[in-house]
Amino acid sequence: MNRLFRSLFGMVFAILCSLPAWAADKEQVASPEAQQRELIYCADLMTHEEREAYRASMRAARTQEEKAAVRRAHHEAMQARARERGLDPIECEPSRVRERLRLRQRGGKS
């Protein structure tokens, strides 16, 4: 019985010790695209096709300057779309940024 207990304990211990390594391998298997996907400014004002086209243009941009130019053009286009729909362009920002911008408009600290 003691021998059986030791062997079972050894197997359980080996399995538990290997779990962190297994979990780390699973994280590395995820595609780089999924790990680096950024939030799209005003994504809720875009169709699925528009979001995919934006992602494709970001992938096609080779340098950081090209990516910044794509982001800037998209940002301006989405602000114009928000104004056309009668929305405040601040509503396109993520909530943490939106609150900071509202505080600044009111004269509060950010």
PDB file of N, CA and C in Angstrom:
ATOM      1  N   MET A   1       0.831  -1.192   0.000  1.00  0.00           N
ATOM      2  CA  MET A   1       0.000   0.000   0.000  1.00  0.00           C
ATOM      3  C   MET A   1       0.873   1.253   0.000  1.00  0.00           C
ATOM      4  N   ASN A   2       1.936   1.237   0.792  1.00  0.00           N
ATOM      5  CA  ASN A   2       2.830   2.379   0.875  1.00  0.00           C
ATOM      6  C   ASN A   2       3.491   2.642  -0.476  1.00  0.00           C
ATOM      7  N   ARG A   3       3.856   1.564  -1.162  1.00  0.00           N
ATOM      8  CA  ARG A   3       4.491   1.694  -2.479  1.00  0.00           C
ATOM      9  C   ARG A   3       3.508   2.288  -3.488  1.00  0.00           C
ATOM     10  N   LEU A   4       2.255   1.847  -3.457  1.00  0.00           N
ATOM     11  CA  LEU A   4       1.218   2.367  -4.351  1.00  0.00           C
ATOM     12  C   LEU A   4       0.982   3.857  -4.077  1.00  0.00           C
ATOM     13  N   PHE A   5       0.908   4.217  -2.814  1.00  0.00           N
ATOM     14  CA  PHE A   5       0.706   5.617  -2.449  1.00  0.00           C
ATOM     15  C   PHE A   5       1.850   6.491  -2.954  1.00  0.00           C
ATOM     16  N   ARG A   6       3.086   6.031  -2.795  1.00  0.00           N
ATOM     17  CA  ARG A   6       4.249   6.786  -3.254  1.00  0.00           C
ATOM     18  C   ARG A   6       4.233   6.972  -4.775  1.00  0.00           C
ATOM     19  N   SER A   7       3.892   5.913  -5.497  1.00  0.00           N
ATOM     20  CA  SER A   7       3.886   6.033  -6.955  1.00  0.00           C
ATOM     21  C   SER A   7       2.764   6.962  -7.422  1.00  0.00           C
ATOM     22  N   LEU A   8       1.593   6.875  -6.810  1.00  0.00           N
ATOM     23  CA  LEU A   8       0.499   7.792  -7.158  1.00  0.00           C
ATOM     24  C   LEU A   8       0.863   9.236  -6.816  1.00  0.00           C
ATOM     25  N   PHE A   9       1.446   9.429  -5.651  1.00  0.00           N
ATOM     26  CA  PHE A   9       1.863  10.762  -5.241  1.00  0.00           C
ATOM     27  C   PHE A   9       2.905  11.312  -6.216  1.00  0.00           C
ATOM     28  N   GLY A  10       3.833  10.479  -6.641  1.00  0.00           N
ATOM     29  CA  GLY A  10       4.856  10.897  -7.595  1.00  0.00           C
ATOM     30  C   GLY A  10       4.263  11.308  -8.934  1.00  0.00           C
ATOM     31  N   MET A  11       3.267  10.540  -9.420  1.00  0.00           N
ATOM     32  CA  MET A  11       2.631  10.892 -10.703  1.00  0.00           C
ATOM     33  C   MET A  11       1.862  12.207 -10.589  1.00  0.00           C
ATOM     34  N   VAL A  12       1.123  12.375  -9.503  1.00  0.00           N
ATOM     35  CA  VAL A  12       0.360  13.611  -9.310  1.00  0.00           C
ATOM     36  C   VAL A  12       1.310  14.799  -9.202  1.00  0.00           C
ATOM     37  N   PHE A  13       2.393  14.618  -8.472  1.00  0.00           N
ATOM     38  CA  PHE A  13       3.380  15.687  -8.329  1.00  0.00           C
ATOM     39  C   PHE A  13       3.990  16.052  -9.683  1.00  0.00           C
ATOM     40  N   ALA A  14       4.325  15.059 -10.502  1.00  0.00           N
ATOM     41  CA  ALA A  14       4.901  15.318 -11.826  1.00  0.00           C
ATOM     42  C   ALA A  14       3.920  16.062 -12.728  1.00  0.00           C
ATOM     43  N   ILE A  15       2.659  15.669 -12.668  1.00  0.00           N
ATOM     44  CA  ILE A  15       1.641  16.344 -13.485  1.00  0.00           C
ATOM     45  C   ILE A  15       1.480  17.795 -13.044  1.00  0.00           C
ATOM     46  N   LEU A  16       1.388  18.010 -11.739  1.00  0.00           N
ATOM     47  CA  LEU A  16       1.215  19.375 -11.237  1.00  0.00           C
ATOM     48  C   LEU A  16       2.419  20.259 -11.560  1.00  0.00           C
ATOM     49  N   CYS A  17       3.612  19.684 -11.530  1.00  0.00           N
ATOM     50  CA  CYS A  17       4.809  20.467 -11.855  1.00  0.00           C
ATOM     51  C   CYS A  17       4.879  20.818 -13.341  1.00  0.00           C
ATOM     52  N   SER A  18       4.284  20.004 -14.185  1.00  0.00           N
ATOM     53  CA  SER A  18       4.362  20.261 -15.626  1.00  0.00           C
ATOM     54  C   SER A  18       3.266  21.203 -16.117  1.00  0.00           C
ATOM     55  N   LEU A  19       2.251  21.484 -15.309  1.00  0.00           N
ATOM     56  CA  LEU A  19       1.150  22.350 -15.747  1.00  0.00           C
ATOM     57  C   LEU A  19       1.599  23.762 -16.121  1.00  0.00           C
ATOM     58  N   PRO A  20       2.449  24.446 -15.344  1.00  0.00           N
ATOM     59  CA  PRO A  20       2.862  25.792 -15.757  1.00  0.00           C
ATOM     60  C   PRO A  20       3.585  25.802 -17.098  1.00  0.00           C
ATOM     61  N   ALA A  21       4.409  24.813 -17.357  1.00  0.00           N
ATOM     62  CA  ALA A  21       5.112  24.745 -18.643  1.00  0.00           C
ATOM     63  C   ALA A  21       4.129  24.495 -19.771  1.00  0.00           C
ATOM     64  N   TRP A  22       3.130  23.655 -19.530  1.00  0.00           N
ATOM     65  CA  TRP A  22       2.119  23.378 -20.551  1.00  0.00           C
ATOM     66  C   TRP A  22       1.301  24.632 -20.850  1.00  0.00           C
ATOM     67  N   ALA A  23       0.949  25.382 -19.813  1.00  0.00           N
ATOM     68  CA  ALA A  23       0.174  26.607 -20.004  1.00  0.00           C
ATOM     69  C   ALA A  23       0.987  27.644 -20.772  1.00  0.00           C
ATOM     70  N   ALA A  24       2.277  27.744 -20.498  1.00  0.00           N
ATOM     71  CA  ALA A  24       3.127  28.696 -21.213  1.00  0.00           C
ATOM     72  C   ALA A  24       3.222  28.329 -22.690  1.00  0.00           C
ATOM     73  N   ASP A  25       3.292  27.041 -22.995  1.00  0.00           N
ATOM     74  CA  ASP A  25       3.324  26.606 -24.393  1.00  0.00           C
ATOM     75  C   ASP A  25       2.031  26.976 -25.103  1.00  0.00           C
ATOM     76  N   LYS A  26       0.905  26.849 -24.439  1.00  0.00           N
ATOM     77  CA  LYS A  26      -0.385  27.185 -25.048  1.00  0.00           C
ATOM     78  C   LYS A  26      -0.451  28.671 -25.385  1.00  0.00           C
ATOM     79  N   GLU A  27       0.122  29.537 -24.545  1.00  0.00           N
ATOM     80  CA  GLU A  27       0.120  30.967 -24.808  1.00  0.00           C
ATOM     81  C   GLU A  27       0.962  31.303 -26.026  1.00  0.00           C
ATOM     82  N   GLN A  28       2.075  30.617 -26.208  1.00  0.00           N
ATOM     83  CA  GLN A  28       2.946  30.893 -27.335  1.00  0.00           C
ATOM     84  C   GLN A  28       2.348  30.413 -28.640  1.00  0.00           C
ATOM     85  N   VAL A  29       1.428  29.459 -28.604  1.00  0.00           N
ATOM     86  CA  VAL A  29       0.809  28.929 -29.806  1.00  0.00           C
ATOM     87  C   VAL A  29      -0.154  29.950 -30.408  1.00  0.00           C
ATOM     88  N   ALA A  30      -0.715  30.824 -29.588  1.00  0.00           N
ATOM     89  CA  ALA A  30      -1.637  31.838 -30.096  1.00  0.00           C
ATOM     90  C   ALA A  30      -0.942  32.667 -31.163  1.00  0.00           C
ATOM     91  N   SER A  31      -1.693  33.023 -32.189  1.00  0.00           N
ATOM     92  CA  SER A  31      -1.099  33.736 -33.318  1.00  0.00           C
ATOM     93  C   SER A  31      -0.592  35.106 -32.892  1.00  0.00           C
ATOM     94  N   PRO A  32       0.481  35.578 -33.520  1.00  0.00           N
ATOM     95  CA  PRO A  32       0.992  36.914 -33.198  1.00  0.00           C
ATOM     96  C   PRO A  32      -0.056  37.983 -33.469  1.00  0.00           C
ATOM     97  N   GLU A  33      -0.899  37.762 -34.474  1.00  0.00           N
ATOM     98  CA  GLU A  33      -1.942  38.736 -34.799  1.00  0.00           C
ATOM     99  C   GLU A  33      -2.904  38.898 -33.637  1.00  0.00           C
ATOM    100  N   ALA A  34      -3.273  37.795 -33.006  1.00  0.00           N
ATOM    101  CA  ALA A  34      -4.199  37.853 -31.880  1.00  0.00           C
ATOM    102  C   ALA A  34      -3.540  38.530 -30.685  1.00  0.00           C
ATOM    103  N   GLN A  35      -2.226  38.335 -30.498  1.00  0.00           N
ATOM    104  CA  GLN A  35      -1.546  38.941 -29.373  1.00  0.00           C
ATOM    105  C   GLN A  35      -1.348  40.435 -29.579  1.00  0.00           C
ATOM    106  N   GLN A  36      -1.179  40.874 -30.818  1.00  0.00           N
ATOM    107  CA  GLN A  36      -0.858  42.268 -31.083  1.00  0.00           C
ATOM    108  C   GLN A  36      -2.055  43.063 -31.591  1.00  0.00           C
ATOM    109  N   ARG A  37      -3.232  42.486 -31.615  1.00  0.00           N
ATOM    110  CA  ARG A  37      -4.390  43.186 -32.150  1.00  0.00           C
ATOM    111  C   ARG A  37      -4.700  44.395 -31.285  1.00  0.00           C
ATOM    112  N   GLU A  38      -4.803  45.544 -31.925  1.00  0.00           N
ATOM    113  CA  GLU A  38      -5.084  46.770 -31.195  1.00  0.00           C
ATOM    114  C   GLU A  38      -6.562  47.116 -31.324  1.00  0.00           C
ATOM    115  N   LEU A  39      -7.031  47.923 -30.411  1.00  0.00           N
ATOM    116  CA  LEU A  39      -8.404  48.401 -30.500  1.00  0.00           C
ATOM    117  C   LEU A  39      -8.512  49.364 -31.664  1.00  0.00           C
ATOM    118  N   ILE A  40      -9.578  49.247 -32.415  1.00  0.00           N
ATOM    119  CA  ILE A  40      -9.792  50.134 -33.562  1.00  0.00           C
ATOM    120  C   ILE A  40     -10.634  51.310 -33.089  1.00  0.00           C
ATOM    121  N   TYR A  41     -10.137  52.493 -33.378  1.00  0.00           N
ATOM    122  CA  TYR A  41     -10.827  53.717 -33.000  1.00  0.00           C
ATOM    123  C   TYR A  41     -12.197  53.754 -33.676  1.00  0.00           C
ATOM    124  N   CYS A  42     -13.246  53.975 -32.925  1.00  0.00           N
ATOM    125  CA  CYS A  42     -14.629  54.071 -33.415  1.00  0.00           C
ATOM    126  C   CYS A  42     -15.089  52.790 -34.120  1.00  0.00           C
ATOM    127  N   ALA A  43     -14.634  51.661 -33.655  1.00  0.00           N
ATOM    128  CA  ALA A  43     -14.982  50.399 -34.302  1.00  0.00           C
ATOM    129  C   ALA A  43     -16.490  50.164 -34.339  1.00  0.00           C
ATOM    130  N   ASP A  44     -17.202  50.693 -33.353  1.00  0.00           N
ATOM    131  CA  ASP A  44     -18.643  50.482 -33.330  1.00  0.00           C
ATOM    132  C   ASP A  44     -19.374  51.276 -34.416  1.00  0.00           C
ATOM    133  N   LEU A  45     -18.689  52.210 -35.053  1.00  0.00           N
ATOM    134  CA  LEU A  45     -19.291  52.949 -36.168  1.00  0.00           C
ATOM    135  C   LEU A  45     -18.947  52.321 -37.520  1.00  0.00           C
ATOM    136  N   MET A  46     -18.217  51.224 -37.492  1.00  0.00           N
ATOM    137  CA  MET A  46     -17.743  50.580 -38.718  1.00  0.00           C
ATOM    138  C   MET A  46     -18.445  49.246 -38.919  1.00  0.00           C
ATOM    139  N   THR A  47     -18.535  48.840 -40.190  1.00  0.00           N
ATOM    140  CA  THR A  47     -19.034  47.507 -40.490  1.00  0.00           C
ATOM    141  C   THR A  47     -17.897  46.510 -40.311  1.00  0.00           C
ATOM    142  N   HIS A  48     -18.242  45.248 -40.301  1.00  0.00           N
ATOM    143  CA  HIS A  48     -17.222  44.206 -40.187  1.00  0.00           C
ATOM    144  C   HIS A  48     -16.225  44.311 -41.337  1.00  0.00           C
ATOM    145  N   GLU A  49     -16.725  44.561 -42.533  1.00  0.00           N
ATOM    146  CA  GLU A  49     -15.853  44.669 -43.708  1.00  0.00           C
ATOM    147  C   GLU A  49     -14.899  45.853 -43.580  1.00  0.00           C
ATOM    148  N   GLU A  50     -15.388  46.961 -43.040  1.00  0.00           N
ATOM    149  CA  GLU A  50     -14.528  48.135 -42.851  1.00  0.00           C
ATOM    150  C   GLU A  50     -13.428  47.847 -41.826  1.00  0.00           C
ATOM    151  N   ARG A  51     -13.792  47.134 -40.766  1.00  0.00           N
ATOM    152  CA  ARG A  51     -12.775  46.787 -39.762  1.00  0.00           C
ATOM    153  C   ARG A  51     -11.717  45.864 -40.361  1.00  0.00           C
ATOM    154  N   GLU A  52     -12.141  44.898 -41.143  1.00  0.00           N
ATOM    155  CA  GLU A  52     -11.180  43.993 -41.780  1.00  0.00           C
ATOM    156  C   GLU A  52     -10.299  44.742 -42.780  1.00  0.00           C
ATOM    157  N   ALA A  53     -10.866  45.688 -43.511  1.00  0.00           N
ATOM    158  CA  ALA A  53     -10.073  46.486 -44.456  1.00  0.00           C
ATOM    159  C   ALA A  53      -9.052  47.337 -43.708  1.00  0.00           C
ATOM    160  N   TYR A  54      -9.443  47.885 -42.570  1.00  0.00           N
ATOM    161  CA  TYR A  54      -8.513  48.669 -41.760  1.00  0.00           C
ATOM    162  C   TYR A  54      -7.370  47.788 -41.270  1.00  0.00           C
ATOM    163  N   ARG A  55      -7.712  46.597 -40.772  1.00  0.00           N
ATOM    164  CA  ARG A  55      -6.662  45.681 -40.304  1.00  0.00           C
ATOM    165  C   ARG A  55      -5.717  45.299 -41.438  1.00  0.00           C
ATOM    166  N   ALA A  56      -6.282  45.083 -42.624  1.00  0.00           N
ATOM    167  CA  ALA A  56      -5.439  44.730 -43.775  1.00  0.00           C
ATOM    168  C   ALA A  56      -4.507  45.883 -44.133  1.00  0.00           C
ATOM    169  N   SER A  57      -5.012  47.110 -44.078  1.00  0.00           N
ATOM    170  CA  SER A  57      -4.149  48.249 -44.395  1.00  0.00           C
ATOM    171  C   SER A  57      -3.066  48.432 -43.336  1.00  0.00           C
ATOM    172  N   MET A  58      -3.366  48.115 -42.081  1.00  0.00           N
ATOM    173  CA  MET A  58      -2.344  48.189 -41.029  1.00  0.00           C
ATOM    174  C   MET A  58      -1.286  47.101 -41.223  1.00  0.00           C
ATOM    175  N   ARG A  59      -1.719  45.909 -41.644  1.00  0.00           N
ATOM    176  CA  ARG A  59      -0.746  44.848 -41.912  1.00  0.00           C
ATOM    177  C   ARG A  59       0.125  45.190 -43.114  1.00  0.00           C
ATOM    178  N   ALA A  60      -0.458  45.894 -44.097  1.00  0.00           N
ATOM    179  CA  ALA A  60       0.289  46.238 -45.311  1.00  0.00           C
ATOM    180  C   ALA A  60       1.299  47.355 -45.055  1.00  0.00           C
ATOM    181  N   ALA A  61       1.033  48.189 -44.064  1.00  0.00           N
ATOM    182  CA  ALA A  61       1.969  49.278 -43.738  1.00  0.00           C
ATOM    183  C   ALA A  61       3.227  48.665 -43.145  1.00  0.00           C
ATOM    184  N   ARG A  62       4.385  49.004 -43.727  1.00  0.00           N
ATOM    185  CA  ARG A  62       5.641  48.369 -43.320  1.00  0.00           C
ATOM    186  C   ARG A  62       6.351  49.095 -42.181  1.00  0.00           C
ATOM    187  N   THR A  63       6.320  50.403 -42.176  1.00  0.00           N
ATOM    188  CA  THR A  63       7.054  51.159 -41.165  1.00  0.00           C
ATOM    189  C   THR A  63       6.089  51.738 -40.139  1.00  0.00           C
ATOM    190  N   GLN A  64       6.644  52.168 -39.015  1.00  0.00           N
ATOM    191  CA  GLN A  64       5.823  52.800 -37.984  1.00  0.00           C
ATOM    192  C   GLN A  64       5.207  54.101 -38.493  1.00  0.00           C
ATOM    193  N   GLU A  65       5.927  54.804 -39.378  1.00  0.00           N
ATOM    194  CA  GLU A  65       5.394  56.051 -39.942  1.00  0.00           C
ATOM    195  C   GLU A  65       4.181  55.763 -40.819  1.00  0.00           C
ATOM    196  N   GLU A  66       4.259  54.698 -41.618  1.00  0.00           N
ATOM    197  CA  GLU A  66       3.117  54.333 -42.466  1.00  0.00           C
ATOM    198  C   GLU A  66       1.922  53.931 -41.604  1.00  0.00           C
ATOM    199  N   LYS A  67       2.177  53.173 -40.546  1.00  0.00           N
ATOM    200  CA  LYS A  67       1.098  52.778 -39.647  1.00  0.00           C
ATOM    201  C   LYS A  67       0.472  53.999 -38.966  1.00  0.00           C
ATOM    202  N   ALA A  68       1.311  54.952 -38.577  1.00  0.00           N
ATOM    203  CA  ALA A  68       0.802  56.174 -37.946  1.00  0.00           C
ATOM    204  C   ALA A  68      -0.051  56.961 -38.931  1.00  0.00           C
ATOM    205  N   ALA A  69       0.365  56.997 -40.210  1.00  0.00           N
ATOM    206  CA  ALA A  69      -0.413  57.712 -41.223  1.00  0.00           C
ATOM    207  C   ALA A  69      -1.771  57.040 -41.440  1.00  0.00           C
ATOM    208  N   VAL A  70      -1.794  55.702 -41.453  1.00  0.00           N
ATOM    209  CA  VAL A  70      -3.063  54.972 -41.609  1.00  0.00           C
ATOM    210  C   VAL A  70      -3.960  55.258 -40.408  1.00  0.00           C
ATOM    211  N   ARG A  71      -3.401  55.207 -39.193  1.00  0.00           N
ATOM    212  CA  ARG A  71      -4.183  55.506 -37.990  1.00  0.00           C
ATOM    213  C   ARG A  71      -4.740  56.925 -38.014  1.00  0.00           C
ATOM    214  N   ARG A  72      -3.886  57.888 -38.407  1.00  0.00           N
ATOM    215  CA  ARG A  72      -4.308  59.292 -38.433  1.00  0.00           C
ATOM    216  C   ARG A  72      -5.454  59.503 -39.420  1.00  0.00           C
ATOM    217  N   ALA A  73      -5.326  58.934 -40.635  1.00  0.00           N
ATOM    218  CA  ALA A  73      -6.385  59.072 -41.641  1.00  0.00           C
ATOM    219  C   ALA A  73      -7.676  58.418 -41.150  1.00  0.00           C
ATOM    220  N   HIS A  74      -7.558  57.248 -40.536  1.00  0.00           N
ATOM    221  CA  HIS A  74      -8.732  56.552 -40.006  1.00  0.00           C
ATOM    222  C   HIS A  74      -9.377  57.372 -38.886  1.00  0.00           C
ATOM    223  N   HIS A  75      -8.561  57.921 -38.018  1.00  0.00           N
ATOM    224  CA  HIS A  75      -9.050  58.724 -36.897  1.00  0.00           C
ATOM    225  C   HIS A  75      -9.855  59.915 -37.413  1.00  0.00           C
ATOM    226  N   GLU A  76      -9.313  60.613 -38.401  1.00  0.00           N
ATOM    227  CA  GLU A  76     -10.015  61.772 -38.967  1.00  0.00           C
ATOM    228  C   GLU A  76     -11.315  61.359 -39.648  1.00  0.00           C
ATOM    229  N   ALA A  77     -11.277  60.256 -40.381  1.00  0.00           N
ATOM    230  CA  ALA A  77     -12.491  59.791 -41.065  1.00  0.00           C
ATOM    231  C   ALA A  77     -13.568  59.389 -40.063  1.00  0.00           C
ATOM    232  N   MET A  78     -13.173  58.744 -38.977  1.00  0.00           N
ATOM    233  CA  MET A  78     -14.155  58.307 -37.983  1.00  0.00           C
ATOM    234  C   MET A  78     -14.717  59.493 -37.190  1.00  0.00           C
ATOM    235  N   GLN A  79     -13.891  60.505 -36.946  1.00  0.00           N
ATOM    236  CA  GLN A  79     -14.420  61.696 -36.279  1.00  0.00           C
ATOM    237  C   GLN A  79     -15.446  62.387 -37.171  1.00  0.00           C
ATOM    238  N   ALA A  80     -15.165  62.455 -38.460  1.00  0.00           N
ATOM    239  CA  ALA A  80     -16.123  63.055 -39.393  1.00  0.00           C
ATOM    240  C   ALA A  80     -17.417  62.239 -39.420  1.00  0.00           C
ATOM    241  N   ARG A  81     -17.295  60.924 -39.430  1.00  0.00           N
ATOM    242  CA  ARG A  81     -18.489  60.061 -39.433  1.00  0.00           C
ATOM    243  C   ARG A  81     -19.294  60.263 -38.154  1.00  0.00           C
ATOM    244  N   ALA A  82     -18.610  60.369 -37.031  1.00  0.00           N
ATOM    245  CA  ALA A  82     -19.308  60.580 -35.757  1.00  0.00           C
ATOM    246  C   ALA A  82     -20.069  61.907 -35.781  1.00  0.00           C
ATOM    247  N   ARG A  83     -19.431  62.944 -36.297  1.00  0.00           N
ATOM    248  CA  ARG A  83     -20.111  64.252 -36.381  1.00  0.00           C
ATOM    249  C   ARG A  83     -21.321  64.174 -37.304  1.00  0.00           C
ATOM    250  N   GLU A  84     -21.186  63.467 -38.435  1.00  0.00           N
ATOM    251  CA  GLU A  84     -22.312  63.315 -39.371  1.00  0.00           C
ATOM    252  C   GLU A  84     -23.500  62.642 -38.691  1.00  0.00           C
ATOM    253  N   ARG A  85     -23.219  61.727 -37.798  1.00  0.00           N
ATOM    254  CA  ARG A  85     -24.288  60.996 -37.110  1.00  0.00           C
ATOM    255  C   ARG A  85     -24.750  61.712 -35.845  1.00  0.00           C
ATOM    256  N   GLY A  86     -24.191  62.890 -35.599  1.00  0.00           N
ATOM    257  CA  GLY A  86     -24.599  63.673 -34.440  1.00  0.00           C
ATOM    258  C   GLY A  86     -24.010  63.192 -33.126  1.00  0.00           C
ATOM    259  N   LEU A  87     -22.900  62.467 -33.208  1.00  0.00           N
ATOM    260  CA  LEU A  87     -22.249  61.960 -31.998  1.00  0.00           C
ATOM    261  C   LEU A  87     -21.060  62.833 -31.644  1.00  0.00           C
ATOM    262  N   ASP A  88     -20.734  62.841 -30.375  1.00  0.00           N
ATOM    263  CA  ASP A  88     -19.534  63.524 -29.915  1.00  0.00           C
ATOM    264  C   ASP A  88     -18.350  62.622 -30.242  1.00  0.00           C
ATOM    265  N   PRO A  89     -17.330  63.122 -30.950  1.00  0.00           N
ATOM    266  CA  PRO A  89     -16.177  62.269 -31.286  1.00  0.00           C
ATOM    267  C   PRO A  89     -15.489  61.657 -30.070  1.00  0.00           C
ATOM    268  N   ILE A  90     -15.666  62.243 -28.899  1.00  0.00           N
ATOM    269  CA  ILE A  90     -15.080  61.676 -27.681  1.00  0.00           C
ATOM    270  C   ILE A  90     -15.678  60.296 -27.406  1.00  0.00           C
ATOM    271  N   GLU A  91     -16.910  60.054 -27.869  1.00  0.00           N
ATOM    272  CA  GLU A  91     -17.550  58.763 -27.634  1.00  0.00           C
ATOM    273  C   GLU A  91     -16.834  57.621 -28.342  1.00  0.00           C
ATOM    274  N   CYS A  92     -15.981  57.939 -29.304  1.00  0.00           N
ATOM    275  CA  CYS A  92     -15.229  56.901 -30.015  1.00  0.00           C
ATOM    276  C   CYS A  92     -14.035  56.413 -29.217  1.00  0.00           C
ATOM    277  N   GLU A  93     -13.626  57.163 -28.228  1.00  0.00           N
ATOM    278  CA  GLU A  93     -12.448  56.806 -27.440  1.00  0.00           C
ATOM    279  C   GLU A  93     -12.789  55.673 -26.473  1.00  0.00           C
ATOM    280  N   PRO A  94     -11.800  54.855 -26.102  1.00  0.00           N
ATOM    281  CA  PRO A  94     -12.030  53.864 -25.047  1.00  0.00           C
ATOM    282  C   PRO A  94     -12.450  54.565 -23.762  1.00  0.00           C
ATOM    283  N   SER A  95     -13.163  53.872 -22.900  1.00  0.00           N
ATOM    284  CA  SER A  95     -13.755  54.509 -21.722  1.00  0.00           C
ATOM    285  C   SER A  95     -12.731  55.198 -20.832  1.00  0.00           C
ATOM    286  N   ARG A  96     -11.541  54.617 -20.644  1.00  0.00           N
ATOM    287  CA  ARG A  96     -10.560  55.248 -19.763  1.00  0.00           C
ATOM    288  C   ARG A  96     -10.064  56.568 -20.335  1.00  0.00           C
ATOM    289  N   VAL A  97      -9.931  56.650 -21.652  1.00  0.00           N
ATOM    290  CA  VAL A  97      -9.502  57.884 -22.304  1.00  0.00           C
ATOM    291  C   VAL A  97     -10.645  58.885 -22.309  1.00  0.00           C
ATOM    292  N   ARG A  98     -11.850  58.389 -22.547  1.00  0.00           N
ATOM    293  CA  ARG A  98     -13.030  59.245 -22.601  1.00  0.00           C
ATOM    294  C   ARG A  98     -13.214  59.992 -21.281  1.00  0.00           C
ATOM    295  N   GLU A  99     -13.063  59.299 -20.166  1.00  0.00           N
ATOM    296  CA  GLU A  99     -13.222  59.955 -18.864  1.00  0.00           C
ATOM    297  C   GLU A  99     -12.153  61.015 -18.645  1.00  0.00           C
ATOM    298  N   ARG A 100     -10.920  60.719 -19.056  1.00  0.00           N
ATOM    299  CA  ARG A 100      -9.844  61.695 -18.916  1.00  0.00           C
ATOM    300  C   ARG A 100     -10.133  62.946 -19.752  1.00  0.00           C
ATOM    301  N   LEU A 101     -10.630  62.761 -20.973  1.00  0.00           N
ATOM    302  CA  LEU A 101     -10.938  63.903 -21.835  1.00  0.00           C
ATOM    303  C   LEU A 101     -12.088  64.738 -21.270  1.00  0.00           C
ATOM    304  N   ARG A 102     -13.078  64.080 -20.713  1.00  0.00           N
ATOM    305  CA  ARG A 102     -14.199  64.810 -20.117  1.00  0.00           C
ATOM    306  C   ARG A 102     -13.737  65.636 -18.924  1.00  0.00           C
ATOM    307  N   LEU A 103     -12.840  65.075 -18.125  1.00  0.00           N
ATOM    308  CA  LEU A 103     -12.307  65.822 -16.982  1.00  0.00           C
ATOM    309  C   LEU A 103     -11.561  67.064 -17.454  1.00  0.00           C
ATOM    310  N   ARG A 104     -10.771  66.904 -18.510  1.00  0.00           N
ATOM    311  CA  ARG A 104     -10.037  68.057 -19.044  1.00  0.00           C
ATOM    312  C   ARG A 104     -10.979  69.135 -19.546  1.00  0.00           C
ATOM    313  N   GLN A 105     -12.060  68.735 -20.203  1.00  0.00           N
ATOM    314  CA  GLN A 105     -13.024  69.712 -20.722  1.00  0.00           C
ATOM    315  C   GLN A 105     -13.680  70.488 -19.595  1.00  0.00           C
ATOM    316  N   ARG A 106     -13.875  69.827 -18.462  1.00  0.00           N
ATOM    317  CA  ARG A 106     -14.505  70.481 -17.304  1.00  0.00           C
ATOM    318  C   ARG A 106     -13.508  71.270 -16.479  1.00  0.00           C
ATOM    319  N   GLY A 107     -12.225  71.146 -16.817  1.00  0.00           N
ATOM    320  CA  GLY A 107     -11.210  71.862 -16.064  1.00  0.00           C
ATOM    321  C   GLY A 107     -10.667  71.090 -14.887  1.00  0.00           C
ATOM    322  N   GLY A 108     -10.976  69.801 -14.833  1.00  0.00           N
ATOM    323  CA  GLY A 108     -10.480  68.964 -13.748  1.00  0.00           C
ATOM    324  C   GLY A 108      -9.102  68.415 -14.052  1.00  0.00           C
ATOM    325  N   LYS A 109      -8.560  67.688 -13.099  1.00  0.00           N
ATOM    326  CA  LYS A 109      -7.260  67.055 -13.299  1.00  0.00           C
ATOM    327  C   LYS A 109      -7.448  65.737 -13.988  1.00  0.00           C
ATOM    328  N   SER A 110      -6.395  65.305 -14.750  1.00  0.00           N
ATOM    329  CA  SER A 110      -6.486  64.004 -15.414  1.00  0.00           C
ATOM    330  C   SER A 110      -5.493  63.038 -14.847  1.00  0.00           C
TER     331      SER A 110
END
